[in-house]
């Protein structure tokens, strides 16, 4: 018996199963009471002290107020040091907030070792980073972030 014939013979079973399980599967994917902070598209560029682009760096935005409900936003720089911030989904931007910026450039020197940060550790921790930015609804392009 081919698959179609089997489905046709037991159609009421399959339809009943779909009616019973469909809503359960849909609800399983929903988080009740979840509310997301609105985000706004924002892009920027990461530069060294001598204005050279820093490629393959992880840029993370941490809310200045640690008690805030603003989520962290992040991006990875391209070959030109440019990045597009994302929070929930790629390219969605960042919430309207004041942020501390951390930056790491993890590169693999030896395939048998863990990657190492090629930038000064000062910028890799929110407690020590002096980098600050503010995201607003009007922000589209950030001023370049210069590591000095």
C-alpha atoms as a PDB file:
ATOM      1  CA  UNK A   1       0.000   0.000   0.000  1.00  0.00           C
ATOM      2  CA  UNK A   2       1.470   3.348  -0.959  1.00  0.00           C
ATOM      3  CA  UNK A   3       1.656   6.317   1.415  1.00  0.00           C
ATOM      4  CA  UNK A   4      -1.211   8.242  -0.160  1.00  0.00           C
ATOM      5  CA  UNK A   5      -3.538   5.262   0.056  1.00  0.00           C
ATOM      6  CA  UNK A   6      -2.623   4.786   3.727  1.00  0.00           C
ATOM      7  CA  UNK A   7      -3.354   8.471   4.434  1.00  0.00           C
ATOM      8  CA  UNK A   8      -6.682   8.289   2.586  1.00  0.00           C
ATOM      9  CA  UNK A   9      -7.734   5.186   4.491  1.00  0.00           C
ATOM     10  CA  UNK A  10      -6.958   6.769   7.882  1.00  0.00           C
ATOM     11  CA  UNK A  11      -7.823  10.383   7.012  1.00  0.00           C
ATOM     12  CA  UNK A  12     -10.096  10.929  10.021  1.00  0.00           C
ATOM     13  CA  UNK A  13      -7.313   9.785  12.384  1.00  0.00           C
ATOM     14  CA  UNK A  14      -4.770  12.200  10.863  1.00  0.00           C
ATOM     15  CA  UNK A  15      -7.232  15.101  10.821  1.00  0.00           C
ATOM     16  CA  UNK A  16      -8.174  14.463  14.457  1.00  0.00           C
ATOM     17  CA  UNK A  17      -4.514  14.316  15.427  1.00  0.00           C
ATOM     18  CA  UNK A  18      -3.861  17.621  13.654  1.00  0.00           C
ATOM     19  CA  UNK A  19      -6.831  19.287  15.359  1.00  0.00           C
ATOM     20  CA  UNK A  20      -5.736  18.100  18.806  1.00  0.00           C
ATOM     21  CA  UNK A  21      -1.970  18.601  18.499  1.00  0.00           C
ATOM     22  CA  UNK A  22      -1.840  21.698  16.277  1.00  0.00           C
ATOM     23  CA  UNK A  23      -2.879  24.229  18.937  1.00  0.00           C
ATOM     24  CA  UNK A  24      -0.584  22.603  21.521  1.00  0.00           C
ATOM     25  CA  UNK A  25       2.395  22.897  19.197  1.00  0.00           C
ATOM     26  CA  UNK A  26       1.572  26.518  18.432  1.00  0.00           C
ATOM     27  CA  UNK A  27       1.277  27.387  22.136  1.00  0.00           C
ATOM     28  CA  UNK A  28       4.535  25.619  22.936  1.00  0.00           C
ATOM     29  CA  UNK A  29       6.354  28.137  20.755  1.00  0.00           C
ATOM     30  CA  UNK A  30       4.787  31.154  22.479  1.00  0.00           C
ATOM     31  CA  UNK A  31       6.155  32.568  25.707  1.00  0.00           C
ATOM     32  CA  UNK A  32       3.242  33.818  27.739  1.00  0.00           C
ATOM     33  CA  UNK A  33       3.688  37.331  29.068  1.00  0.00           C
ATOM     34  CA  UNK A  34       6.874  37.979  27.107  1.00  0.00           C
ATOM     35  CA  UNK A  35       7.223  41.616  26.187  1.00  0.00           C
ATOM     36  CA  UNK A  36      10.082  42.896  24.144  1.00  0.00           C
ATOM     37  CA  UNK A  37      11.596  46.328  24.341  1.00  0.00           C
ATOM     38  CA  UNK A  38      11.231  48.034  20.925  1.00  0.00           C
ATOM     39  CA  UNK A  39      14.432  48.229  18.894  1.00  0.00           C
ATOM     40  CA  UNK A  40      15.626  50.660  16.239  1.00  0.00           C
ATOM     41  CA  UNK A  41      18.039  49.952  13.373  1.00  0.00           C
ATOM     42  CA  UNK A  42      21.526  51.246  14.130  1.00  0.00           C
ATOM     43  CA  UNK A  43      24.845  50.699  12.390  1.00  0.00           C
ATOM     44  CA  UNK A  44      28.371  51.825  13.135  1.00  0.00           C
ATOM     45  CA  UNK A  45      32.048  51.311  12.584  1.00  0.00           C
ATOM     46  CA  UNK A  46      34.852  50.220  14.901  1.00  0.00           C
ATOM     47  CA  UNK A  47      38.210  51.923  14.357  1.00  0.00           C
ATOM     48  CA  UNK A  48      41.644  51.758  15.943  1.00  0.00           C
ATOM     49  CA  UNK A  49      43.323  54.840  17.426  1.00  0.00           C
ATOM     50  CA  UNK A  50      44.885  55.552  14.012  1.00  0.00           C
ATOM     51  CA  UNK A  51      41.496  55.213  12.231  1.00  0.00           C
ATOM     52  CA  UNK A  52      42.097  51.754  10.780  1.00  0.00           C
ATOM     53  CA  UNK A  53      39.040  49.457  10.668  1.00  0.00           C
ATOM     54  CA  UNK A  54      38.967  46.610  13.186  1.00  0.00           C
ATOM     55  CA  UNK A  55      37.592  43.476  11.530  1.00  0.00           C
ATOM     56  CA  UNK A  56      36.069  40.374  13.151  1.00  0.00           C
ATOM     57  CA  UNK A  57      35.386  42.050  16.478  1.00  0.00           C
ATOM     58  CA  UNK A  58      32.422  41.396  18.737  1.00  0.00           C
ATOM     59  CA  UNK A  59      30.680  44.606  19.830  1.00  0.00           C
ATOM     60  CA  UNK A  60      28.249  44.263  22.751  1.00  0.00           C
ATOM     61  CA  UNK A  61      26.031  46.998  24.205  1.00  0.00           C
ATOM     62  CA  UNK A  62      25.355  46.709  27.947  1.00  0.00           C
ATOM     63  CA  UNK A  63      22.731  48.996  29.535  1.00  0.00           C
ATOM     64  CA  UNK A  64      24.414  51.620  31.738  1.00  0.00           C
ATOM     65  CA  UNK A  65      21.710  51.017  34.347  1.00  0.00           C
ATOM     66  CA  UNK A  66      22.238  47.382  35.348  1.00  0.00           C
ATOM     67  CA  UNK A  67      18.672  47.240  36.703  1.00  0.00           C
ATOM     68  CA  UNK A  68      17.141  48.232  33.371  1.00  0.00           C
ATOM     69  CA  UNK A  69      14.983  45.930  31.293  1.00  0.00           C
ATOM     70  CA  UNK A  70      16.913  46.777  28.136  1.00  0.00           C
ATOM     71  CA  UNK A  71      18.444  43.663  26.580  1.00  0.00           C
ATOM     72  CA  UNK A  72      22.029  43.532  25.396  1.00  0.00           C
ATOM     73  CA  UNK A  73      22.557  44.212  21.716  1.00  0.00           C
ATOM     74  CA  UNK A  74      25.473  42.890  19.717  1.00  0.00           C
ATOM     75  CA  UNK A  75      27.194  42.878  16.351  1.00  0.00           C
ATOM     76  CA  UNK A  76      30.255  41.500  14.604  1.00  0.00           C
ATOM     77  CA  UNK A  77      32.381  43.831  12.521  1.00  0.00           C
ATOM     78  CA  UNK A  78      33.113  43.147   8.857  1.00  0.00           C
ATOM     79  CA  UNK A  79      36.426  43.683   7.024  1.00  0.00           C
ATOM     80  CA  UNK A  80      35.808  47.465   7.028  1.00  0.00           C
ATOM     81  CA  UNK A  81      35.042  47.499  10.769  1.00  0.00           C
ATOM     82  CA  UNK A  82      31.362  48.145  10.023  1.00  0.00           C
ATOM     83  CA  UNK A  83      28.559  46.524  11.974  1.00  0.00           C
ATOM     84  CA  UNK A  84      24.773  46.349  12.163  1.00  0.00           C
ATOM     85  CA  UNK A  85      23.390  46.022  15.698  1.00  0.00           C
ATOM     86  CA  UNK A  86      21.021  43.201  16.519  1.00  0.00           C
ATOM     87  CA  UNK A  87      19.021  42.342  19.610  1.00  0.00           C
ATOM     88  CA  UNK A  88      16.340  39.754  18.983  1.00  0.00           C
ATOM     89  CA  UNK A  89      16.904  38.962  15.321  1.00  0.00           C
ATOM     90  CA  UNK A  90      19.636  39.859  12.851  1.00  0.00           C
ATOM     91  CA  UNK A  91      19.544  43.522  11.889  1.00  0.00           C
ATOM     92  CA  UNK A  92      16.693  44.505  14.217  1.00  0.00           C
ATOM     93  CA  UNK A  93      18.824  47.129  15.907  1.00  0.00           C
ATOM     94  CA  UNK A  94      19.046  48.132  19.550  1.00  0.00           C
ATOM     95  CA  UNK A  95      16.662  49.569  22.159  1.00  0.00           C
ATOM     96  CA  UNK A  96      16.518  53.274  22.924  1.00  0.00           C
ATOM     97  CA  UNK A  97      18.934  53.424  25.859  1.00  0.00           C
ATOM     98  CA  UNK A  98      22.345  54.524  27.136  1.00  0.00           C
ATOM     99  CA  UNK A  99      24.935  51.797  26.788  1.00  0.00           C
ATOM    100  CA  UNK A 100      28.421  50.792  27.819  1.00  0.00           C
ATOM    101  CA  UNK A 101      30.179  49.242  24.832  1.00  0.00           C
ATOM    102  CA  UNK A 102      32.489  46.258  25.152  1.00  0.00           C
ATOM    103  CA  UNK A 103      34.666  45.011  22.319  1.00  0.00           C
ATOM    104  CA  UNK A 104      36.632  41.808  21.809  1.00  0.00           C
ATOM    105  CA  UNK A 105      38.555  40.528  18.832  1.00  0.00           C
ATOM    106  CA  UNK A 106      38.970  36.828  19.474  1.00  0.00           C
ATOM    107  CA  UNK A 107      41.424  35.287  17.040  1.00  0.00           C
ATOM    108  CA  UNK A 108      42.815  31.806  16.800  1.00  0.00           C
ATOM    109  CA  UNK A 109      46.634  31.744  16.750  1.00  0.00           C
ATOM    110  CA  UNK A 110      46.945  28.005  17.222  1.00  0.00           C
ATOM    111  CA  UNK A 111      44.140  25.589  16.247  1.00  0.00           C
ATOM    112  CA  UNK A 112      44.954  23.540  19.353  1.00  0.00           C
ATOM    113  CA  UNK A 113      44.454  26.491  21.713  1.00  0.00           C
ATOM    114  CA  UNK A 114      41.508  28.670  22.673  1.00  0.00           C
ATOM    115  CA  UNK A 115      41.138  31.969  20.793  1.00  0.00           C
ATOM    116  CA  UNK A 116      42.698  35.013  22.436  1.00  0.00           C
ATOM    117  CA  UNK A 117      41.483  38.604  22.582  1.00  0.00           C
ATOM    118  CA  UNK A 118      43.759  40.784  20.457  1.00  0.00           C
ATOM    119  CA  UNK A 119      42.414  44.035  21.918  1.00  0.00           C
ATOM    120  CA  UNK A 120      43.253  45.484  25.348  1.00  0.00           C
ATOM    121  CA  UNK A 121      41.163  43.821  28.065  1.00  0.00           C
ATOM    122  CA  UNK A 122      39.951  47.227  29.254  1.00  0.00           C
ATOM    123  CA  UNK A 123      37.324  47.228  26.507  1.00  0.00           C
ATOM    124  CA  UNK A 124      36.170  43.649  27.054  1.00  0.00           C
ATOM    125  CA  UNK A 125      34.482  44.248  30.433  1.00  0.00           C
ATOM    126  CA  UNK A 126      31.587  46.609  31.175  1.00  0.00           C
ATOM    127  CA  UNK A 127      33.213  47.572  34.508  1.00  0.00           C
ATOM    128  CA  UNK A 128      36.332  48.917  32.815  1.00  0.00           C
ATOM    129  CA  UNK A 129      35.188  50.034  29.363  1.00  0.00           C
ATOM    130  CA  UNK A 130      35.109  53.795  28.832  1.00  0.00           C
ATOM    131  CA  UNK A 131      33.147  53.440  25.593  1.00  0.00           C
ATOM    132  CA  UNK A 132      29.610  54.850  25.749  1.00  0.00           C
ATOM    133  CA  UNK A 133      26.850  55.321  23.193  1.00  0.00           C
ATOM    134  CA  UNK A 134      23.204  56.322  23.277  1.00  0.00           C
ATOM    135  CA  UNK A 135      20.629  54.786  20.956  1.00  0.00           C
ATOM    136  CA  UNK A 136      17.541  56.847  20.125  1.00  0.00           C
ATOM    137  CA  UNK A 137      14.627  56.335  17.755  1.00  0.00           C
ATOM    138  CA  UNK A 138      16.362  58.720  15.352  1.00  0.00           C
ATOM    139  CA  UNK A 139      19.709  56.889  15.461  1.00  0.00           C
ATOM    140  CA  UNK A 140      20.510  55.223  12.167  1.00  0.00           C
ATOM    141  CA  UNK A 141      24.272  55.618  11.905  1.00  0.00           C
ATOM    142  CA  UNK A 142      26.429  55.841  15.039  1.00  0.00           C
ATOM    143  CA  UNK A 143      29.548  57.958  15.212  1.00  0.00           C
ATOM    144  CA  UNK A 144      32.577  55.699  14.692  1.00  0.00           C
ATOM    145  CA  UNK A 145      33.745  53.972  17.859  1.00  0.00           C
ATOM    146  CA  UNK A 146      37.469  54.678  18.201  1.00  0.00           C
ATOM    147  CA  UNK A 147      39.594  52.561  20.525  1.00  0.00           C
ATOM    148  CA  UNK A 148      42.066  54.960  22.088  1.00  0.00           C
END
